[in-house]
């Protein structure tokens, strides 16, 4: 049998910065996260509440995808392990109440933009986020 030495994963950031506590995918980026070594079959993600999930390596090997579900709202942490024994340092992650929209005004505008749109609802900002972290995406339907 052969024992393989490898560097520990060093997390740099997540995408998104946070997500709803009801479940979504989190991509974790960093160095050595997707290091190739013999026997790497136990890629795991662990969250602050102790929930462990199988991680999935991204096709381009730049990140690991983790899918937490039924988490508790608030600031949490995420860790990665390549062998299910040794874990990376903790990295912060925020779980928040899902956004709820109740209205949009106006209901339309010209495709070239410049229309100020107001969206009403709840849970748009979480205490650890800024207004810059909340964005809207519009698609053109003709």
N, C-alpha and C. Protein backbone atom coordinates (compact mmCIF):
# COMPACT_ATOMS: atom_id res chain seq x y z
N UNK A 1 0.84 -1.18 0.00
CA UNK A 1 0.00 0.00 0.00
C UNK A 1 0.88 1.24 0.00
N UNK A 2 0.35 2.28 -0.62
CA UNK A 2 1.07 3.53 -0.72
C UNK A 2 0.30 4.63 0.00
N UNK A 3 1.02 5.40 0.79
CA UNK A 3 0.43 6.55 1.48
C UNK A 3 0.85 7.80 0.72
N UNK A 4 -0.11 8.67 0.42
CA UNK A 4 0.17 9.87 -0.36
C UNK A 4 0.08 11.11 0.51
N UNK A 5 1.12 11.94 0.45
CA UNK A 5 1.11 13.22 1.14
C UNK A 5 0.60 14.29 0.18
N UNK A 6 -0.19 15.22 0.68
CA UNK A 6 -0.67 16.31 -0.15
C UNK A 6 -0.89 17.53 0.73
N UNK A 7 -0.90 18.70 0.12
CA UNK A 7 -1.13 19.93 0.86
C UNK A 7 -2.59 20.02 1.29
N UNK A 8 -2.83 20.66 2.41
CA UNK A 8 -4.21 20.85 2.88
C UNK A 8 -4.91 21.89 2.02
N UNK A 9 -6.21 21.73 1.80
CA UNK A 9 -6.95 22.74 1.05
C UNK A 9 -6.90 24.10 1.75
N UNK A 10 -6.76 25.16 0.97
CA UNK A 10 -6.75 26.52 1.49
C UNK A 10 -7.89 27.28 0.81
N UNK A 11 -8.98 27.51 1.53
CA UNK A 11 -10.16 28.14 0.94
C UNK A 11 -9.93 29.62 0.73
N UNK A 12 -10.40 30.15 -0.42
CA UNK A 12 -10.24 31.57 -0.71
C UNK A 12 -11.58 32.30 -0.73
N UNK A 13 -12.64 31.67 -1.27
CA UNK A 13 -13.94 32.33 -1.30
C UNK A 13 -15.02 31.32 -1.70
N UNK A 14 -16.25 31.74 -1.51
CA UNK A 14 -17.40 30.94 -1.93
C UNK A 14 -18.22 31.74 -2.92
N UNK A 15 -18.98 31.04 -3.71
CA UNK A 15 -19.96 31.69 -4.57
C UNK A 15 -21.24 30.87 -4.51
N UNK A 16 -22.32 31.48 -4.12
CA UNK A 16 -22.46 32.87 -3.69
C UNK A 16 -21.88 33.07 -2.29
N UNK A 17 -21.90 34.34 -1.82
CA UNK A 17 -21.40 34.67 -0.48
C UNK A 17 -22.28 34.10 0.61
N UNK A 18 -23.53 33.86 0.28
CA UNK A 18 -24.50 33.30 1.20
C UNK A 18 -25.67 32.79 0.41
N UNK A 19 -26.57 32.10 1.08
CA UNK A 19 -27.72 31.57 0.37
C UNK A 19 -28.83 31.21 1.33
N UNK A 20 -30.00 30.88 0.77
CA UNK A 20 -31.15 30.54 1.61
C UNK A 20 -30.89 29.26 2.41
N UNK A 21 -31.44 29.22 3.62
CA UNK A 21 -31.18 28.07 4.48
C UNK A 21 -31.94 26.82 4.04
N UNK A 22 -32.78 26.93 3.03
CA UNK A 22 -33.59 25.80 2.58
C UNK A 22 -32.89 24.90 1.57
N UNK A 23 -31.72 25.27 1.12
CA UNK A 23 -30.98 24.41 0.20
C UNK A 23 -30.62 25.11 -1.10
N UNK A 24 -29.39 24.93 -1.54
CA UNK A 24 -28.86 25.50 -2.76
C UNK A 24 -27.44 24.98 -2.94
N UNK A 25 -26.81 25.26 -4.05
CA UNK A 25 -25.42 24.85 -4.27
C UNK A 25 -24.47 25.97 -3.87
N UNK A 26 -23.37 25.60 -3.24
CA UNK A 26 -22.31 26.53 -2.86
C UNK A 26 -21.04 26.05 -3.54
N UNK A 27 -20.39 26.94 -4.29
CA UNK A 27 -19.09 26.59 -4.87
C UNK A 27 -18.00 27.16 -3.97
N UNK A 28 -17.07 26.31 -3.59
CA UNK A 28 -15.97 26.68 -2.71
C UNK A 28 -14.69 26.68 -3.54
N UNK A 29 -14.00 27.82 -3.52
CA UNK A 29 -12.78 27.98 -4.30
C UNK A 29 -11.57 28.06 -3.37
N UNK A 30 -10.41 27.70 -3.89
CA UNK A 30 -9.19 27.80 -3.12
C UNK A 30 -8.09 26.96 -3.74
N UNK A 31 -6.92 26.99 -3.12
CA UNK A 31 -5.81 26.20 -3.64
C UNK A 31 -5.88 24.78 -3.10
N UNK A 32 -5.45 23.86 -3.89
CA UNK A 32 -5.34 22.43 -3.58
C UNK A 32 -6.70 21.77 -3.34
N UNK A 33 -7.79 22.50 -3.52
CA UNK A 33 -9.11 21.89 -3.29
C UNK A 33 -9.32 20.70 -4.19
N UNK A 34 -8.88 20.81 -5.42
CA UNK A 34 -9.11 19.73 -6.36
C UNK A 34 -7.81 19.04 -6.75
N UNK A 35 -6.89 18.96 -5.80
CA UNK A 35 -5.61 18.32 -6.08
C UNK A 35 -5.83 16.87 -6.49
N UNK A 36 -5.12 16.45 -7.51
CA UNK A 36 -5.20 15.05 -7.92
C UNK A 36 -4.21 14.24 -7.10
N UNK A 37 -4.71 13.22 -6.46
CA UNK A 37 -3.84 12.29 -5.78
C UNK A 37 -4.55 10.94 -5.73
N UNK A 38 -3.76 9.91 -5.61
CA UNK A 38 -4.33 8.57 -5.59
C UNK A 38 -5.24 8.40 -4.39
N UNK A 39 -6.40 7.88 -4.60
CA UNK A 39 -7.31 7.59 -3.50
C UNK A 39 -8.21 8.72 -3.09
N UNK A 40 -8.21 9.81 -3.86
CA UNK A 40 -9.10 10.92 -3.49
C UNK A 40 -10.52 10.53 -3.84
N UNK A 41 -11.20 9.93 -2.90
CA UNK A 41 -12.57 9.48 -3.14
C UNK A 41 -13.51 10.01 -2.06
N UNK A 42 -12.97 10.73 -1.10
CA UNK A 42 -13.78 11.16 0.03
C UNK A 42 -13.87 12.68 0.14
N UNK A 43 -14.11 13.34 -0.97
CA UNK A 43 -14.26 14.78 -0.98
C UNK A 43 -15.53 15.14 -0.22
N UNK A 44 -15.38 15.91 0.87
CA UNK A 44 -16.50 16.21 1.75
C UNK A 44 -16.57 17.70 2.06
N UNK A 45 -17.79 18.17 2.31
CA UNK A 45 -18.05 19.53 2.78
C UNK A 45 -18.65 19.39 4.18
N UNK A 46 -18.25 20.26 5.09
CA UNK A 46 -18.81 20.21 6.45
C UNK A 46 -19.22 21.62 6.84
N UNK A 47 -20.40 21.73 7.44
CA UNK A 47 -20.94 23.01 7.87
C UNK A 47 -20.90 23.09 9.39
N UNK A 48 -21.04 24.31 9.93
CA UNK A 48 -20.86 24.55 11.37
C UNK A 48 -21.74 23.68 12.25
N UNK A 49 -22.91 23.30 11.77
CA UNK A 49 -23.79 22.48 12.60
C UNK A 49 -23.41 21.00 12.55
N UNK A 50 -22.30 20.67 11.90
CA UNK A 50 -21.83 19.30 11.85
C UNK A 50 -22.34 18.50 10.67
N UNK A 51 -23.22 19.09 9.87
CA UNK A 51 -23.75 18.38 8.71
C UNK A 51 -22.64 18.21 7.68
N UNK A 52 -22.42 16.97 7.26
CA UNK A 52 -21.44 16.67 6.24
C UNK A 52 -22.15 16.21 4.99
N UNK A 53 -21.67 16.65 3.85
CA UNK A 53 -22.24 16.25 2.57
C UNK A 53 -21.10 15.89 1.62
N UNK A 54 -21.37 14.96 0.73
CA UNK A 54 -20.41 14.63 -0.31
C UNK A 54 -20.21 15.85 -1.20
N UNK A 55 -18.97 16.22 -1.45
CA UNK A 55 -18.67 17.33 -2.34
C UNK A 55 -18.52 16.82 -3.76
N UNK A 56 -18.71 17.71 -4.72
CA UNK A 56 -18.57 17.36 -6.13
C UNK A 56 -17.56 18.28 -6.77
N UNK A 57 -16.56 17.71 -7.38
CA UNK A 57 -15.52 18.51 -8.03
C UNK A 57 -16.06 19.14 -9.30
N UNK A 58 -15.78 20.42 -9.52
CA UNK A 58 -16.21 21.10 -10.74
C UNK A 58 -15.48 20.50 -11.94
N UNK A 59 -16.15 20.45 -13.11
CA UNK A 59 -15.51 19.87 -14.31
C UNK A 59 -14.16 20.50 -14.65
N UNK A 60 -14.01 21.82 -14.44
CA UNK A 60 -12.73 22.46 -14.75
C UNK A 60 -11.76 22.43 -13.56
N UNK A 61 -12.15 21.73 -12.51
CA UNK A 61 -11.32 21.49 -11.32
C UNK A 61 -10.90 22.76 -10.61
N UNK A 62 -11.72 23.83 -10.66
CA UNK A 62 -11.36 25.06 -9.98
C UNK A 62 -12.09 25.23 -8.65
N UNK A 63 -13.02 24.32 -8.36
CA UNK A 63 -13.81 24.47 -7.15
C UNK A 63 -14.50 23.15 -6.79
N UNK A 64 -15.12 23.18 -5.62
CA UNK A 64 -15.91 22.05 -5.14
C UNK A 64 -17.33 22.56 -4.91
N UNK A 65 -18.31 21.80 -5.32
CA UNK A 65 -19.70 22.17 -5.12
C UNK A 65 -20.26 21.40 -3.94
N UNK A 66 -20.89 22.13 -3.02
CA UNK A 66 -21.52 21.54 -1.85
C UNK A 66 -23.00 21.92 -1.87
N UNK A 67 -23.85 21.04 -1.41
CA UNK A 67 -25.29 21.29 -1.43
C UNK A 67 -25.89 21.16 -0.04
N UNK A 68 -25.78 22.22 0.77
CA UNK A 68 -26.38 22.14 2.11
C UNK A 68 -27.90 22.20 2.01
N UNK A 69 -28.58 21.56 2.94
CA UNK A 69 -30.03 21.68 2.97
C UNK A 69 -30.51 21.72 4.41
N UNK A 70 -31.61 22.42 4.61
CA UNK A 70 -32.22 22.55 5.94
C UNK A 70 -31.24 23.05 6.99
N UNK A 71 -30.56 24.14 6.67
CA UNK A 71 -29.63 24.75 7.61
C UNK A 71 -30.39 25.75 8.48
N UNK A 72 -29.70 26.33 9.46
CA UNK A 72 -30.28 27.32 10.35
C UNK A 72 -29.85 28.70 9.86
N UNK A 73 -30.77 29.66 9.88
CA UNK A 73 -30.45 31.02 9.45
C UNK A 73 -29.35 31.60 10.32
N UNK A 74 -28.39 32.28 9.70
CA UNK A 74 -27.33 32.95 10.44
C UNK A 74 -25.97 32.68 9.84
N UNK A 75 -24.96 33.19 10.51
CA UNK A 75 -23.58 33.01 10.06
C UNK A 75 -23.14 31.60 10.42
N UNK A 76 -22.57 30.92 9.46
CA UNK A 76 -22.11 29.55 9.63
C UNK A 76 -20.67 29.48 9.15
N UNK A 77 -20.15 28.29 9.04
CA UNK A 77 -18.84 28.08 8.45
C UNK A 77 -18.91 26.87 7.53
N UNK A 78 -17.94 26.79 6.64
CA UNK A 78 -17.83 25.66 5.74
C UNK A 78 -16.37 25.20 5.75
N UNK A 79 -16.18 23.90 5.64
CA UNK A 79 -14.84 23.31 5.56
C UNK A 79 -14.86 22.25 4.47
N UNK A 80 -13.68 21.95 3.94
CA UNK A 80 -13.52 20.93 2.91
C UNK A 80 -12.49 19.91 3.39
N UNK A 81 -12.74 18.64 3.07
CA UNK A 81 -11.77 17.59 3.35
C UNK A 81 -11.57 16.76 2.09
N UNK A 82 -10.34 16.38 1.84
CA UNK A 82 -10.04 15.52 0.70
C UNK A 82 -10.02 14.05 1.10
N UNK A 83 -9.99 13.78 2.42
CA UNK A 83 -9.90 12.39 2.87
C UNK A 83 -10.91 12.04 3.97
N UNK A 84 -11.81 12.96 4.31
CA UNK A 84 -12.83 12.76 5.34
C UNK A 84 -12.23 12.61 6.74
N UNK A 85 -10.99 13.06 6.90
CA UNK A 85 -10.33 13.02 8.21
C UNK A 85 -9.74 14.40 8.53
N UNK A 86 -8.93 14.92 7.62
CA UNK A 86 -8.27 16.21 7.81
C UNK A 86 -9.09 17.30 7.11
N UNK A 87 -9.42 18.36 7.87
CA UNK A 87 -10.31 19.39 7.36
C UNK A 87 -9.58 20.71 7.17
N UNK A 88 -10.02 21.48 6.17
CA UNK A 88 -9.47 22.82 5.94
C UNK A 88 -9.84 23.72 7.11
N UNK A 89 -9.23 24.91 7.14
CA UNK A 89 -9.66 25.89 8.14
C UNK A 89 -11.11 26.26 7.83
N UNK A 90 -11.80 26.80 8.80
CA UNK A 90 -13.19 27.18 8.57
C UNK A 90 -13.25 28.46 7.74
N UNK A 91 -14.29 28.57 6.95
CA UNK A 91 -14.52 29.73 6.11
C UNK A 91 -15.95 30.18 6.32
N UNK A 92 -16.19 31.49 6.50
CA UNK A 92 -17.55 31.95 6.82
C UNK A 92 -18.53 31.79 5.65
N UNK A 93 -19.77 31.51 6.00
CA UNK A 93 -20.85 31.43 5.02
C UNK A 93 -22.14 31.83 5.74
N UNK A 94 -23.01 32.57 5.05
CA UNK A 94 -24.23 33.07 5.67
C UNK A 94 -25.46 32.36 5.07
N UNK A 95 -26.29 31.83 5.94
CA UNK A 95 -27.57 31.28 5.51
C UNK A 95 -28.66 32.27 5.90
N UNK A 96 -29.54 32.61 4.98
CA UNK A 96 -30.56 33.61 5.25
C UNK A 96 -31.95 33.11 4.86
N UNK A 97 -32.95 33.83 5.34
CA UNK A 97 -34.33 33.54 4.99
C UNK A 97 -34.52 33.84 3.51
N UNK A 98 -35.17 32.95 2.77
CA UNK A 98 -35.35 33.19 1.33
C UNK A 98 -36.07 34.51 1.05
N UNK A 99 -35.69 35.15 -0.05
CA UNK A 99 -36.31 36.41 -0.47
C UNK A 99 -37.76 36.17 -0.87
N UNK A 100 -38.60 37.17 -0.61
CA UNK A 100 -39.99 37.11 -1.03
C UNK A 100 -40.31 38.41 -1.76
N UNK A 101 -40.76 38.31 -2.99
CA UNK A 101 -41.17 39.51 -3.72
C UNK A 101 -42.69 39.60 -3.71
N UNK A 102 -43.20 40.84 -3.59
CA UNK A 102 -44.65 41.03 -3.57
C UNK A 102 -45.12 41.99 -4.66
N UNK A 103 -44.19 42.66 -5.33
CA UNK A 103 -44.60 43.58 -6.37
C UNK A 103 -43.44 44.13 -7.16
N UNK A 104 -43.74 44.64 -8.35
CA UNK A 104 -42.74 45.29 -9.20
C UNK A 104 -43.44 46.43 -9.94
N UNK A 105 -42.78 47.60 -9.95
CA UNK A 105 -43.33 48.78 -10.64
C UNK A 105 -42.21 49.51 -11.35
N UNK A 106 -42.37 49.91 -12.56
CA UNK A 106 -43.48 49.59 -13.46
C UNK A 106 -43.35 48.16 -13.96
N UNK A 107 -44.36 47.68 -14.65
CA UNK A 107 -44.37 46.30 -15.13
C UNK A 107 -43.61 46.12 -16.45
N UNK A 108 -43.10 47.21 -17.00
CA UNK A 108 -42.35 47.10 -18.24
C UNK A 108 -41.61 48.38 -18.55
N UNK A 109 -40.79 48.33 -19.59
CA UNK A 109 -40.00 49.48 -20.01
C UNK A 109 -39.26 49.16 -21.28
N UNK A 110 -38.59 50.15 -21.86
CA UNK A 110 -37.86 49.93 -23.12
C UNK A 110 -36.66 49.01 -22.93
N UNK A 111 -36.31 48.22 -23.96
CA UNK A 111 -35.21 47.26 -23.82
C UNK A 111 -33.83 47.90 -23.65
N UNK A 112 -33.66 49.15 -24.04
CA UNK A 112 -32.35 49.78 -23.88
C UNK A 112 -32.06 50.18 -22.44
N UNK A 113 -33.05 50.05 -21.55
CA UNK A 113 -32.81 50.29 -20.13
C UNK A 113 -33.14 51.70 -19.70
N UNK A 114 -32.56 52.10 -18.58
CA UNK A 114 -32.71 53.41 -17.95
C UNK A 114 -34.03 53.59 -17.20
N UNK A 115 -34.86 52.56 -17.13
CA UNK A 115 -36.10 52.66 -16.36
C UNK A 115 -35.80 52.29 -14.92
N UNK A 116 -36.18 53.14 -13.99
CA UNK A 116 -36.02 52.83 -12.57
C UNK A 116 -37.14 51.87 -12.18
N UNK A 117 -36.76 50.72 -11.63
CA UNK A 117 -37.71 49.69 -11.26
C UNK A 117 -37.70 49.53 -9.75
N UNK A 118 -38.86 49.48 -9.15
CA UNK A 118 -38.99 49.27 -7.70
C UNK A 118 -39.57 47.89 -7.46
N UNK A 119 -38.86 47.08 -6.69
CA UNK A 119 -39.32 45.75 -6.33
C UNK A 119 -39.60 45.75 -4.84
N UNK A 120 -40.79 45.34 -4.47
CA UNK A 120 -41.14 45.29 -3.04
C UNK A 120 -41.19 43.85 -2.58
N UNK A 121 -41.00 43.68 -1.29
CA UNK A 121 -41.01 42.34 -0.72
C UNK A 121 -40.32 42.32 0.63
N UNK A 122 -39.83 41.14 1.02
CA UNK A 122 -39.19 40.97 2.32
C UNK A 122 -37.88 40.21 2.18
N UNK A 123 -37.03 40.38 3.19
CA UNK A 123 -35.78 39.63 3.33
C UNK A 123 -34.75 39.94 2.23
N UNK A 124 -34.72 41.19 1.77
CA UNK A 124 -33.76 41.57 0.74
C UNK A 124 -32.35 41.76 1.28
N UNK A 125 -32.22 42.13 2.53
CA UNK A 125 -30.90 42.39 3.10
C UNK A 125 -30.75 41.61 4.40
N UNK A 126 -29.62 40.93 4.53
CA UNK A 126 -29.30 40.20 5.75
C UNK A 126 -28.22 41.00 6.48
N UNK A 127 -28.18 40.99 7.79
CA UNK A 127 -27.25 41.84 8.54
C UNK A 127 -25.79 41.82 8.10
N UNK A 128 -25.27 40.70 7.64
CA UNK A 128 -23.85 40.65 7.25
C UNK A 128 -23.63 41.02 5.79
N UNK A 129 -24.69 41.34 5.06
CA UNK A 129 -24.57 41.74 3.66
C UNK A 129 -24.78 43.24 3.57
N UNK A 130 -24.36 43.81 2.46
CA UNK A 130 -24.62 45.22 2.19
C UNK A 130 -25.61 45.28 1.02
N UNK A 131 -26.09 46.48 0.71
CA UNK A 131 -26.99 46.61 -0.44
C UNK A 131 -26.27 46.22 -1.73
N UNK A 132 -24.96 46.31 -1.76
CA UNK A 132 -24.20 45.91 -2.95
C UNK A 132 -24.28 44.40 -3.18
N UNK A 133 -24.57 43.62 -2.14
CA UNK A 133 -24.67 42.17 -2.27
C UNK A 133 -26.02 41.73 -2.83
N UNK A 134 -26.99 42.64 -2.85
CA UNK A 134 -28.33 42.33 -3.37
C UNK A 134 -28.44 42.89 -4.77
N UNK A 135 -28.69 42.03 -5.74
CA UNK A 135 -28.76 42.44 -7.14
C UNK A 135 -30.02 41.91 -7.80
N UNK A 136 -30.41 42.56 -8.89
CA UNK A 136 -31.54 42.12 -9.69
C UNK A 136 -31.02 41.71 -11.06
N UNK A 137 -31.66 40.73 -11.65
CA UNK A 137 -31.32 40.29 -12.99
C UNK A 137 -32.58 40.34 -13.84
N UNK A 138 -32.49 41.01 -14.97
CA UNK A 138 -33.63 41.12 -15.88
C UNK A 138 -33.27 40.40 -17.19
N UNK A 139 -34.25 39.74 -17.75
CA UNK A 139 -34.06 39.10 -19.06
C UNK A 139 -35.02 39.72 -20.04
N UNK A 140 -34.64 39.74 -21.30
CA UNK A 140 -35.46 40.35 -22.34
C UNK A 140 -36.37 39.30 -22.95
N UNK A 141 -37.67 39.48 -22.83
CA UNK A 141 -38.66 38.59 -23.43
C UNK A 141 -39.42 39.39 -24.47
N UNK A 142 -39.22 39.04 -25.73
CA UNK A 142 -39.92 39.74 -26.82
C UNK A 142 -41.07 38.92 -27.34
